[in-house]
Amino acid sequence: MNAVLRRHPLTSYFIFVNLFSWTTWLALLYILPPDIAWVAIPLGIIAGPTLVAFAITSSLDGQTGVRALLRRYTLWRAGVGWYLVALFGMPCVMILELVGVSGLAALKGAPVSTMPLPWVALSSFTQTFVFGGPLFEEPGWRGFALPRLQSRQGPFVGSIILGLFWGLWHVPLVLLGVYQTTGLQLAAYTLINLPAAAIIFTWVFNRTNGSLLMTVLLHTSINTTVYLLRGAFPPLASALSAIFPLGMGINLAALALVVATRGRLGYRPLPHG
């Protein structure tokens, strides 16, 4: 097994991530009673991206590699500007898209009582950070896979490949009804939106010296904004996308980054781990 992992670390990673996550989701969601079946979602995330990333890293690089991967969670010296980008960059893009698609009337049309108050946003952000996926997805996607993909395929192509696998990993959640979407929306989400999102994540990751903390914050800010927008503007958010109200906004943001950085996305070779 070690020989296979050393020859094909990325292939092994993507196979095992889907195997463990898909199995966990399908088994638990159909076995557990409905009132506690929700625990299958975080367990599937932990069983996939998290455990597989650390298991393969341990097999390939031992405790040294595991410690190096863990240290990326504590890379916090990124400058105030990058915290602003991670926390507010994509939420601003998403809100601007909502306004651009539906006009300023969209903001006036939401009932005041349903508008997310600051404490609601903070509570949602905290819950999403811990239980919503980012904390346990990022060591796999950006911590393990992205450095290896960038070193072999370059930052742009590597990001597209990672985005496609990232989208594939989410498919069971759609099939199981966690996300309500049509076939066309699912295809756009998997083949376009997440590869575009992966480009943005790569840029933040590279420009912050491989900080998982920054990508976790970015991931959390996107997911939190989705939940809040869908709560405040359900008809509008659903019209933009049944999964993410990102659509054209995230694609344009990714395209702008590719053009501005000439496809390099701030890439500098980093040690694997």
Protein backbone atom coordinates (compact mmCIF):
# COMPACT_ATOMS: atom_id res chain seq x y z
CA MET A 1 0.00 0.00 0.00
CA ASN A 2 2.81 2.41 0.84
CA ALA A 3 4.36 1.81 -2.56
CA VAL A 4 1.06 2.63 -4.28
CA LEU A 5 0.61 5.76 -2.19
CA ARG A 6 4.10 6.97 -3.05
CA ARG A 7 3.61 6.38 -6.77
CA HIS A 8 0.08 7.79 -6.92
CA PRO A 9 -0.55 10.02 -3.86
CA LEU A 10 -3.13 12.27 -5.52
CA THR A 11 -5.06 9.48 -7.22
CA SER A 12 -5.10 7.55 -3.96
CA TYR A 13 -6.25 10.63 -2.08
CA PHE A 14 -9.21 11.39 -4.34
CA ILE A 15 -10.30 7.74 -4.44
CA PHE A 16 -10.22 7.31 -0.67
CA VAL A 17 -11.84 10.69 0.03
CA ASN A 18 -14.87 9.80 -2.06
CA LEU A 19 -14.94 6.22 -0.84
CA PHE A 20 -15.02 7.13 2.85
CA SER A 21 -17.26 10.20 2.57
CA TRP A 22 -19.76 8.65 0.18
CA THR A 23 -19.96 5.43 2.22
CA THR A 24 -20.47 7.35 5.46
CA TRP A 25 -23.16 9.60 4.01
CA LEU A 26 -25.08 6.84 2.27
CA ALA A 27 -24.87 4.44 5.22
CA LEU A 28 -25.70 6.84 8.02
CA LEU A 29 -28.37 8.87 6.23
CA TYR A 30 -30.31 5.69 5.44
CA ILE A 31 -29.65 3.91 8.75
CA LEU A 32 -29.95 6.61 11.40
CA PRO A 33 -33.34 7.94 12.55
CA PRO A 34 -34.27 11.20 10.79
CA ASP A 35 -33.88 13.32 13.93
CA ILE A 36 -30.19 12.46 14.27
CA ALA A 37 -29.30 11.65 10.65
CA TRP A 38 -27.75 15.13 10.32
CA VAL A 39 -24.63 13.84 12.12
CA ALA A 40 -23.78 11.92 8.94
CA ILE A 41 -22.82 15.17 7.21
CA PRO A 42 -19.93 16.23 9.52
CA LEU A 43 -18.87 12.61 10.00
CA GLY A 44 -18.62 12.16 6.24
CA ILE A 45 -16.53 15.32 5.97
CA ILE A 46 -14.18 14.20 8.73
CA ALA A 47 -13.98 10.64 7.36
CA GLY A 48 -13.08 11.97 3.91
CA PRO A 49 -10.90 15.05 3.46
CA THR A 50 -9.58 15.17 7.03
CA LEU A 51 -8.70 11.59 7.92
CA VAL A 52 -7.52 10.67 4.43
CA ALA A 53 -5.24 13.72 4.24
CA PHE A 54 -3.60 12.98 7.57
CA ALA A 55 -3.46 9.21 6.99
CA ILE A 56 -1.70 9.50 3.63
CA THR A 57 0.56 12.27 4.91
CA SER A 58 1.56 10.07 7.84
CA SER A 59 2.23 7.16 5.52
CA LEU A 60 4.32 9.24 3.12
CA ASP A 61 6.12 11.66 5.44
CA GLY A 62 5.62 10.31 8.96
CA GLN A 63 5.09 12.52 11.97
CA THR A 64 7.16 15.26 10.40
CA GLY A 65 4.64 15.58 7.57
CA VAL A 66 1.68 15.47 9.96
CA ARG A 67 3.16 18.24 12.09
CA ALA A 68 3.85 20.32 8.98
CA LEU A 69 0.22 19.93 7.89
CA LEU A 70 -1.04 20.87 11.34
CA ARG A 71 1.23 23.94 11.42
CA ARG A 72 -0.57 25.33 8.38
CA TYR A 73 -3.61 25.83 10.61
CA THR A 74 -1.58 28.25 12.72
CA LEU A 75 -0.14 30.39 9.91
CA TRP A 76 -1.90 33.56 11.02
CA ARG A 77 0.65 36.26 10.09
CA ALA A 78 -1.02 37.23 6.85
CA GLY A 79 -1.68 40.93 7.34
CA VAL A 80 -4.97 42.67 8.01
CA GLY A 81 -5.70 43.00 4.29
CA TRP A 82 -5.81 39.25 3.78
CA TYR A 83 -8.16 38.80 6.71
CA LEU A 84 -10.45 41.34 5.08
CA VAL A 85 -10.22 39.48 1.77
CA ALA A 86 -10.94 36.11 3.40
CA LEU A 87 -13.81 37.35 5.54
CA PHE A 88 -15.51 39.91 3.31
CA GLY A 89 -14.22 39.51 -0.26
CA MET A 90 -16.57 36.84 -1.54
CA PRO A 91 -19.56 37.98 0.55
CA CYS A 92 -19.26 41.38 -1.16
CA VAL A 93 -19.11 39.70 -4.59
CA MET A 94 -22.18 37.62 -3.77
CA ILE A 95 -24.20 40.59 -2.49
CA LEU A 96 -23.20 42.70 -5.49
CA GLU A 97 -24.34 39.90 -7.78
CA LEU A 98 -27.65 39.70 -5.97
CA VAL A 99 -28.15 43.44 -6.39
CA GLY A 100 -26.95 43.33 -10.00
CA VAL A 101 -29.33 40.55 -10.95
CA SER A 102 -32.37 41.74 -9.04
CA GLY A 103 -31.72 45.47 -8.58
CA LEU A 104 -31.68 47.54 -5.43
CA ALA A 105 -35.31 46.59 -4.91
CA ALA A 106 -34.04 43.17 -3.78
CA LEU A 107 -32.57 44.70 -0.64
CA LYS A 108 -35.73 46.70 0.05
CA GLY A 109 -37.95 43.70 -0.62
CA ALA A 110 -36.70 41.57 2.25
CA PRO A 111 -38.79 41.78 5.41
CA VAL A 112 -36.90 43.67 8.11
CA SER A 113 -37.49 40.90 10.62
CA THR A 114 -35.66 38.38 8.45
CA MET A 115 -32.59 40.55 7.81
CA PRO A 116 -29.55 38.94 9.44
CA LEU A 117 -28.47 40.95 12.49
CA PRO A 118 -24.75 41.08 13.38
CA TRP A 119 -25.13 38.60 16.20
CA VAL A 120 -27.02 36.21 13.93
CA ALA A 121 -24.23 36.47 11.36
CA LEU A 122 -21.58 35.86 14.02
CA SER A 123 -23.46 32.88 15.40
CA SER A 124 -23.91 31.43 11.93
CA PHE A 125 -20.25 32.03 11.12
CA THR A 126 -19.12 30.25 14.29
CA GLN A 127 -21.37 27.25 13.71
CA THR A 128 -20.30 27.01 10.08
CA PHE A 129 -16.63 27.28 11.02
CA VAL A 130 -16.84 24.35 13.44
CA PHE A 131 -19.57 22.13 12.00
CA GLY A 132 -20.22 23.32 8.44
CA GLY A 133 -17.27 21.74 6.68
CA PRO A 134 -14.47 24.31 6.20
CA LEU A 135 -12.41 23.32 9.23
CA PHE A 136 -12.38 19.67 8.17
CA GLU A 137 -12.33 20.04 4.40
CA GLU A 138 -9.41 22.41 3.98
CA PRO A 139 -6.58 20.15 5.27
CA GLY A 140 -7.47 17.81 2.43
CA TRP A 141 -8.26 20.09 -0.49
CA ARG A 142 -5.74 22.84 0.15
CA GLY A 143 -3.43 21.23 2.71
CA PHE A 144 -2.74 17.93 0.95
CA ALA A 145 -3.94 18.06 -2.66
CA LEU A 146 -3.29 21.63 -3.82
CA PRO A 147 0.49 21.79 -3.20
CA ARG A 148 0.97 18.55 -5.10
CA LEU A 149 -1.32 19.58 -7.95
CA GLN A 150 0.40 22.94 -8.30
CA SER A 151 3.87 21.42 -8.40
CA ARG A 152 2.82 19.02 -11.17
CA GLN A 153 0.17 20.85 -13.16
CA GLY A 154 0.74 24.48 -12.26
CA PRO A 155 -1.60 26.69 -10.21
CA PHE A 156 -4.27 27.28 -12.85
CA VAL A 157 -4.70 23.75 -14.19
CA GLY A 158 -4.13 22.33 -10.72
CA SER A 159 -6.95 24.49 -9.35
CA ILE A 160 -9.33 23.39 -12.11
CA ILE A 161 -8.57 19.72 -11.44
CA LEU A 162 -9.03 20.20 -7.71
CA GLY A 163 -12.29 22.08 -8.27
CA LEU A 164 -13.70 19.27 -10.38
CA PHE A 165 -12.90 16.66 -7.74
CA TRP A 166 -14.22 19.01 -5.07
CA GLY A 167 -17.49 19.20 -6.98
CA LEU A 168 -17.65 15.43 -7.49
CA TRP A 169 -17.25 14.94 -3.75
CA HIS A 170 -20.41 17.01 -3.12
CA VAL A 171 -22.62 15.02 -5.52
CA PRO A 172 -23.97 12.53 -2.93
CA LEU A 173 -25.22 15.43 -0.80
CA VAL A 174 -27.27 16.58 -3.79
CA LEU A 175 -28.55 13.10 -4.55
CA LEU A 176 -29.53 12.64 -0.91
CA GLY A 177 -31.52 15.87 -0.90
CA VAL A 178 -29.22 17.95 1.31
CA TYR A 179 -29.10 20.46 -1.56
CA GLN A 180 -32.17 20.98 -3.72
CA THR A 181 -31.09 21.41 -7.32
CA THR A 182 -31.78 20.40 -10.89
CA GLY A 183 -29.48 18.46 -13.17
CA LEU A 184 -28.41 21.59 -15.04
CA GLN A 185 -27.70 23.50 -11.84
CA LEU A 186 -25.76 20.54 -10.47
CA ALA A 187 -23.66 20.41 -13.63
CA ALA A 188 -22.94 24.15 -13.43
CA TYR A 189 -22.08 23.87 -9.74
CA THR A 190 -19.75 20.90 -10.24
CA LEU A 191 -18.14 21.82 -13.56
CA ILE A 192 -18.04 25.63 -13.38
CA ASN A 193 -18.71 27.18 -9.97
CA LEU A 194 -16.46 25.04 -7.80
CA PRO A 195 -13.50 25.08 -10.23
CA ALA A 196 -13.88 28.89 -10.27
CA ALA A 197 -14.05 28.94 -6.48
CA ALA A 198 -10.95 26.73 -6.35
CA ILE A 199 -9.02 29.37 -8.31
CA ILE A 200 -9.88 31.99 -5.70
CA PHE A 201 -8.94 29.64 -2.87
CA THR A 202 -5.62 28.89 -4.56
CA TRP A 203 -4.82 32.59 -4.87
CA VAL A 204 -5.54 33.22 -1.16
CA PHE A 205 -3.63 30.09 -0.14
CA ASN A 206 -0.57 31.03 -2.19
CA ARG A 207 -0.51 34.69 -1.18
CA THR A 208 -0.71 33.80 2.54
CA ASN A 209 2.21 31.34 2.45
CA GLY A 210 0.00 28.27 2.42
CA SER A 211 -2.19 29.21 5.38
CA LEU A 212 -5.05 26.81 6.01
CA LEU A 213 -6.44 29.28 8.53
CA MET A 214 -7.04 31.79 5.76
CA THR A 215 -8.70 29.28 3.44
CA VAL A 216 -10.88 28.04 6.31
CA LEU A 217 -11.98 31.62 6.98
CA LEU A 218 -12.64 32.15 3.26
CA HIS A 219 -14.61 28.91 3.04
CA THR A 220 -16.60 29.82 6.16
CA SER A 221 -17.41 33.32 4.92
CA ILE A 222 -18.80 31.93 1.65
CA ASN A 223 -20.93 29.25 3.31
CA THR A 224 -22.21 31.65 5.97
CA THR A 225 -23.20 34.22 3.36
CA VAL A 226 -25.06 31.54 1.42
CA TYR A 227 -27.08 30.58 4.50
CA LEU A 228 -27.86 34.18 5.41
CA LEU A 229 -28.81 35.21 1.88
CA ARG A 230 -31.03 32.20 1.41
CA GLY A 231 -32.74 33.06 4.71
CA ALA A 232 -33.25 36.75 3.89
CA PHE A 233 -33.96 36.43 0.17
CA PRO A 234 -35.12 32.85 -0.45
CA PRO A 235 -36.86 33.45 -3.80
CA LEU A 236 -33.98 35.50 -5.18
CA ALA A 237 -31.26 33.22 -3.89
CA SER A 238 -33.05 30.18 -5.26
CA ALA A 239 -33.42 31.87 -8.61
CA LEU A 240 -29.70 32.51 -8.81
CA SER A 241 -28.75 28.98 -7.81
CA ALA A 242 -30.36 26.24 -5.76
CA ILE A 243 -27.03 25.57 -4.06
CA PHE A 244 -24.92 28.73 -4.06
CA PRO A 245 -26.06 32.23 -5.02
CA LEU A 246 -22.68 32.77 -6.69
CA GLY A 247 -23.26 32.18 -10.37
CA MET A 248 -21.53 34.68 -12.59
CA GLY A 249 -19.97 36.64 -9.73
CA ILE A 250 -17.54 33.97 -8.65
CA ASN A 251 -16.70 33.11 -12.24
CA LEU A 252 -15.87 36.73 -13.06
CA ALA A 253 -13.81 37.07 -9.88
CA ALA A 254 -11.84 33.94 -10.78
CA LEU A 255 -11.33 35.14 -14.36
CA ALA A 256 -10.07 38.51 -13.10
CA LEU A 257 -7.53 36.76 -10.86
CA VAL A 258 -6.31 34.54 -13.69
CA VAL A 259 -5.84 37.56 -15.97
CA ALA A 260 -4.27 39.76 -13.30
CA THR A 261 -1.77 37.10 -12.21
CA ARG A 262 -1.28 35.60 -15.69
CA GLY A 263 -2.40 32.28 -14.31
CA ARG A 264 0.24 32.15 -11.58
CA LEU A 265 -2.22 32.93 -8.77
CA GLY A 266 0.63 33.94 -6.48
CA TYR A 267 2.24 30.52 -6.73
CA ARG A 268 5.55 29.76 -5.08
CA PRO A 269 6.59 26.14 -4.47
CA LEU A 270 5.78 25.06 -0.92
CA PRO A 271 6.88 21.90 0.92
CA HIS A 272 4.27 19.14 0.81
CA GLY A 273 2.48 18.37 4.03
